[in-house]
Amino acid sequence: MVDSLNQLKQIIGLKFDRILFDNMRPIILRKGIKISKKLYETEASGGITLKNVKKIAATGVDRISVGQLTHSVEAINIKLEN
């Protein structure tokens, strides 16, 4: 997981399959993807909502994690007892 271009530059060339870009603005995310796209799969996470997911997708990222889907669900209490 990286949350800045400096962190990304420090790990380029290491052996792994995917980079998780965390809480990056689309303009910075796009730069990170350009740097890493030929070497790794890419995923964006953090601060992504249903309102901004199209902007994130337009950066060219391979995968997107939208936490809003699970953060907004209400818990349900299911008891096995009477």
N, C-alpha and C. Protein backbone atom coordinates (compact mmCIF):
# COMPACT_ATOMS: atom_id res chain seq x y z
N MET A 1 0.85 -1.18 0.00
CA MET A 1 0.00 0.00 0.00
C MET A 1 0.89 1.23 0.00
N VAL A 2 0.58 2.15 -0.86
CA VAL A 2 1.28 3.43 -0.91
C VAL A 2 0.26 4.56 -0.86
N ASP A 3 0.66 5.65 -0.23
CA ASP A 3 -0.23 6.80 -0.20
C ASP A 3 0.46 8.08 -0.69
N SER A 4 1.62 7.90 -1.35
CA SER A 4 2.30 9.03 -1.97
C SER A 4 3.18 8.53 -3.11
N LEU A 5 3.53 9.44 -4.01
CA LEU A 5 4.40 9.08 -5.11
C LEU A 5 5.81 8.76 -4.62
N ASN A 6 6.24 9.41 -3.53
CA ASN A 6 7.56 9.10 -2.95
C ASN A 6 7.62 7.65 -2.49
N GLN A 7 6.58 7.18 -1.81
CA GLN A 7 6.54 5.78 -1.39
C GLN A 7 6.57 4.86 -2.60
N LEU A 8 5.83 5.21 -3.63
CA LEU A 8 5.80 4.39 -4.84
C LEU A 8 7.20 4.28 -5.45
N LYS A 9 7.90 5.38 -5.57
CA LYS A 9 9.23 5.38 -6.17
C LYS A 9 10.21 4.51 -5.37
N GLN A 10 10.02 4.42 -4.08
CA GLN A 10 10.90 3.61 -3.23
C GLN A 10 10.70 2.11 -3.43
N ILE A 11 9.51 1.69 -3.87
CA ILE A 11 9.25 0.25 -4.00
C ILE A 11 9.26 -0.26 -5.43
N ILE A 12 9.35 0.66 -6.40
CA ILE A 12 9.38 0.23 -7.81
C ILE A 12 10.55 -0.73 -8.01
N GLY A 13 10.27 -1.83 -8.66
CA GLY A 13 11.30 -2.83 -8.93
C GLY A 13 11.30 -4.00 -7.96
N LEU A 14 10.62 -3.83 -6.80
CA LEU A 14 10.51 -4.95 -5.87
C LEU A 14 9.54 -5.97 -6.45
N LYS A 15 9.66 -7.20 -5.98
CA LYS A 15 8.84 -8.28 -6.54
C LYS A 15 7.52 -8.43 -5.77
N PHE A 16 6.44 -8.06 -6.40
CA PHE A 16 5.08 -8.27 -5.91
C PHE A 16 4.15 -8.09 -7.10
N ASP A 17 2.88 -8.42 -6.93
CA ASP A 17 1.95 -8.43 -8.05
C ASP A 17 1.12 -7.16 -8.21
N ARG A 18 0.74 -6.52 -7.10
CA ARG A 18 -0.24 -5.44 -7.15
C ARG A 18 0.13 -4.33 -6.19
N ILE A 19 -0.13 -3.11 -6.61
CA ILE A 19 0.05 -1.94 -5.74
C ILE A 19 -1.33 -1.42 -5.37
N LEU A 20 -1.52 -1.18 -4.08
CA LEU A 20 -2.75 -0.57 -3.58
C LEU A 20 -2.45 0.91 -3.32
N PHE A 21 -3.10 1.76 -4.09
CA PHE A 21 -2.98 3.21 -3.90
C PHE A 21 -4.07 3.63 -2.93
N ASP A 22 -3.66 4.22 -1.81
CA ASP A 22 -4.60 4.53 -0.74
C ASP A 22 -4.80 6.04 -0.59
N ASN A 23 -6.05 6.46 -0.62
CA ASN A 23 -6.42 7.87 -0.38
C ASN A 23 -5.67 8.86 -1.25
N MET A 24 -5.61 8.57 -2.54
CA MET A 24 -4.94 9.49 -3.47
C MET A 24 -5.97 10.24 -4.30
N ARG A 25 -5.69 11.51 -4.51
CA ARG A 25 -6.53 12.30 -5.42
C ARG A 25 -6.34 11.76 -6.83
N PRO A 26 -7.35 11.88 -7.68
CA PRO A 26 -7.26 11.32 -9.04
C PRO A 26 -6.03 11.78 -9.83
N ILE A 27 -5.63 13.02 -9.71
CA ILE A 27 -4.48 13.51 -10.48
C ILE A 27 -3.18 12.82 -10.04
N ILE A 28 -3.03 12.60 -8.75
CA ILE A 28 -1.84 11.91 -8.22
C ILE A 28 -1.93 10.42 -8.54
N LEU A 29 -3.12 9.86 -8.41
CA LEU A 29 -3.33 8.45 -8.74
C LEU A 29 -2.96 8.18 -10.19
N ARG A 30 -3.36 9.05 -11.09
CA ARG A 30 -3.05 8.89 -12.51
C ARG A 30 -1.53 8.85 -12.73
N LYS A 31 -0.79 9.72 -12.04
CA LYS A 31 0.67 9.73 -12.15
C LYS A 31 1.26 8.42 -11.62
N GLY A 32 0.75 7.94 -10.50
CA GLY A 32 1.22 6.69 -9.93
C GLY A 32 0.98 5.51 -10.86
N ILE A 33 -0.15 5.51 -11.51
CA ILE A 33 -0.48 4.43 -12.44
C ILE A 33 0.45 4.46 -13.65
N LYS A 34 0.75 5.66 -14.15
CA LYS A 34 1.68 5.76 -15.28
C LYS A 34 3.06 5.19 -14.92
N ILE A 35 3.50 5.44 -13.69
CA ILE A 35 4.80 4.94 -13.24
C ILE A 35 4.80 3.43 -13.11
N SER A 36 3.72 2.86 -12.64
CA SER A 36 3.72 1.45 -12.24
C SER A 36 2.96 0.50 -13.16
N LYS A 37 2.21 0.99 -14.11
CA LYS A 37 1.26 0.17 -14.88
C LYS A 37 1.92 -1.01 -15.59
N LYS A 38 3.09 -0.84 -16.14
CA LYS A 38 3.74 -1.93 -16.90
C LYS A 38 4.34 -2.99 -15.98
N LEU A 39 4.50 -2.65 -14.71
CA LEU A 39 5.15 -3.57 -13.77
C LEU A 39 4.18 -4.32 -12.86
N TYR A 40 3.08 -3.68 -12.51
CA TYR A 40 2.18 -4.22 -11.50
C TYR A 40 0.72 -3.99 -11.87
N GLU A 41 -0.15 -4.82 -11.31
CA GLU A 41 -1.58 -4.51 -11.33
C GLU A 41 -1.80 -3.38 -10.34
N THR A 42 -2.85 -2.60 -10.55
CA THR A 42 -3.10 -1.46 -9.68
C THR A 42 -4.50 -1.52 -9.07
N GLU A 43 -4.59 -1.01 -7.85
CA GLU A 43 -5.88 -0.95 -7.15
C GLU A 43 -5.95 0.37 -6.38
N ALA A 44 -7.10 0.98 -6.39
CA ALA A 44 -7.33 2.22 -5.64
C ALA A 44 -8.30 1.95 -4.51
N SER A 45 -8.03 2.57 -3.37
CA SER A 45 -8.87 2.40 -2.20
C SER A 45 -8.80 3.67 -1.35
N GLY A 46 -9.75 3.82 -0.47
CA GLY A 46 -9.72 4.93 0.47
C GLY A 46 -10.36 6.19 -0.08
N GLY A 47 -11.42 6.62 0.52
CA GLY A 47 -12.09 7.84 0.11
C GLY A 47 -12.90 7.71 -1.17
N ILE A 48 -13.09 6.50 -1.63
CA ILE A 48 -13.83 6.30 -2.87
C ILE A 48 -15.30 6.07 -2.54
N THR A 49 -16.14 6.85 -3.20
CA THR A 49 -17.58 6.75 -2.97
C THR A 49 -18.26 6.46 -4.31
N LEU A 50 -19.53 6.21 -4.24
CA LEU A 50 -20.28 5.99 -5.48
C LEU A 50 -20.33 7.26 -6.32
N LYS A 51 -20.13 8.42 -5.70
CA LYS A 51 -20.15 9.69 -6.42
C LYS A 51 -18.85 9.94 -7.19
N ASN A 52 -17.71 9.48 -6.66
CA ASN A 52 -16.44 9.78 -7.33
C ASN A 52 -15.80 8.56 -8.01
N VAL A 53 -16.47 7.42 -8.02
CA VAL A 53 -15.87 6.21 -8.58
C VAL A 53 -15.58 6.34 -10.08
N LYS A 54 -16.37 7.11 -10.82
CA LYS A 54 -16.11 7.29 -12.25
C LYS A 54 -14.81 8.05 -12.48
N LYS A 55 -14.54 9.06 -11.65
CA LYS A 55 -13.28 9.80 -11.76
C LYS A 55 -12.09 8.88 -11.48
N ILE A 56 -12.24 8.04 -10.49
CA ILE A 56 -11.16 7.10 -10.15
C ILE A 56 -10.97 6.10 -11.29
N ALA A 57 -12.04 5.60 -11.84
CA ALA A 57 -11.95 4.64 -12.95
C ALA A 57 -11.27 5.27 -14.16
N ALA A 58 -11.48 6.55 -14.38
CA ALA A 58 -10.89 7.24 -15.53
C ALA A 58 -9.37 7.37 -15.42
N THR A 59 -8.79 7.08 -14.27
CA THR A 59 -7.33 7.17 -14.12
C THR A 59 -6.62 5.99 -14.77
N GLY A 60 -7.36 4.91 -15.07
CA GLY A 60 -6.75 3.73 -15.66
C GLY A 60 -6.42 2.64 -14.67
N VAL A 61 -6.82 2.81 -13.43
CA VAL A 61 -6.57 1.81 -12.39
C VAL A 61 -7.27 0.49 -12.74
N ASP A 62 -6.65 -0.64 -12.38
CA ASP A 62 -7.22 -1.95 -12.70
C ASP A 62 -8.40 -2.32 -11.80
N ARG A 63 -8.28 -2.01 -10.52
CA ARG A 63 -9.32 -2.39 -9.54
C ARG A 63 -9.64 -1.19 -8.64
N ILE A 64 -10.88 -1.18 -8.16
CA ILE A 64 -11.31 -0.11 -7.25
C ILE A 64 -12.05 -0.74 -6.09
N SER A 65 -11.68 -0.35 -4.87
CA SER A 65 -12.39 -0.79 -3.66
C SER A 65 -13.23 0.37 -3.16
N VAL A 66 -14.53 0.15 -3.05
CA VAL A 66 -15.45 1.19 -2.59
C VAL A 66 -15.94 0.80 -1.21
N GLY A 67 -15.36 1.38 -0.18
CA GLY A 67 -15.71 1.06 1.19
C GLY A 67 -17.11 1.50 1.57
N GLN A 68 -17.64 2.48 0.86
CA GLN A 68 -18.97 3.00 1.17
C GLN A 68 -20.01 1.89 1.14
N LEU A 69 -19.79 0.89 0.32
CA LEU A 69 -20.75 -0.21 0.22
C LEU A 69 -20.90 -0.96 1.54
N THR A 70 -19.80 -1.13 2.27
CA THR A 70 -19.86 -1.86 3.55
C THR A 70 -19.98 -0.93 4.75
N HIS A 71 -19.52 0.30 4.64
CA HIS A 71 -19.58 1.24 5.77
C HIS A 71 -21.00 1.70 6.04
N SER A 72 -21.85 1.68 5.04
CA SER A 72 -23.19 2.22 5.19
C SER A 72 -24.24 1.16 5.55
N VAL A 73 -23.83 -0.07 5.68
CA VAL A 73 -24.77 -1.15 6.00
C VAL A 73 -25.05 -1.17 7.50
N GLU A 74 -26.30 -1.30 7.85
CA GLU A 74 -26.67 -1.39 9.26
C GLU A 74 -26.55 -2.84 9.72
N ALA A 75 -26.07 -3.01 10.94
CA ALA A 75 -25.94 -4.35 11.51
C ALA A 75 -27.30 -4.90 11.88
N ILE A 76 -27.42 -6.20 11.82
CA ILE A 76 -28.65 -6.86 12.23
C ILE A 76 -28.31 -7.86 13.33
N ASN A 77 -29.14 -7.92 14.34
CA ASN A 77 -28.89 -8.82 15.47
C ASN A 77 -29.68 -10.11 15.24
N ILE A 78 -28.97 -11.19 15.07
CA ILE A 78 -29.61 -12.49 14.89
C ILE A 78 -29.23 -13.38 16.06
N LYS A 79 -30.21 -13.72 16.87
CA LYS A 79 -29.97 -14.56 18.05
C LYS A 79 -30.37 -16.00 17.75
N LEU A 80 -29.63 -16.91 18.32
CA LEU A 80 -30.00 -18.32 18.22
C LEU A 80 -30.79 -18.77 19.44
N GLU A 81 -30.97 -17.87 20.40
CA GLU A 81 -31.70 -18.16 21.63
C GLU A 81 -33.07 -17.49 21.57
N ASN A 82 -33.98 -17.96 22.41
CA ASN A 82 -35.30 -17.31 22.52
C ASN A 82 -35.24 -16.11 23.42
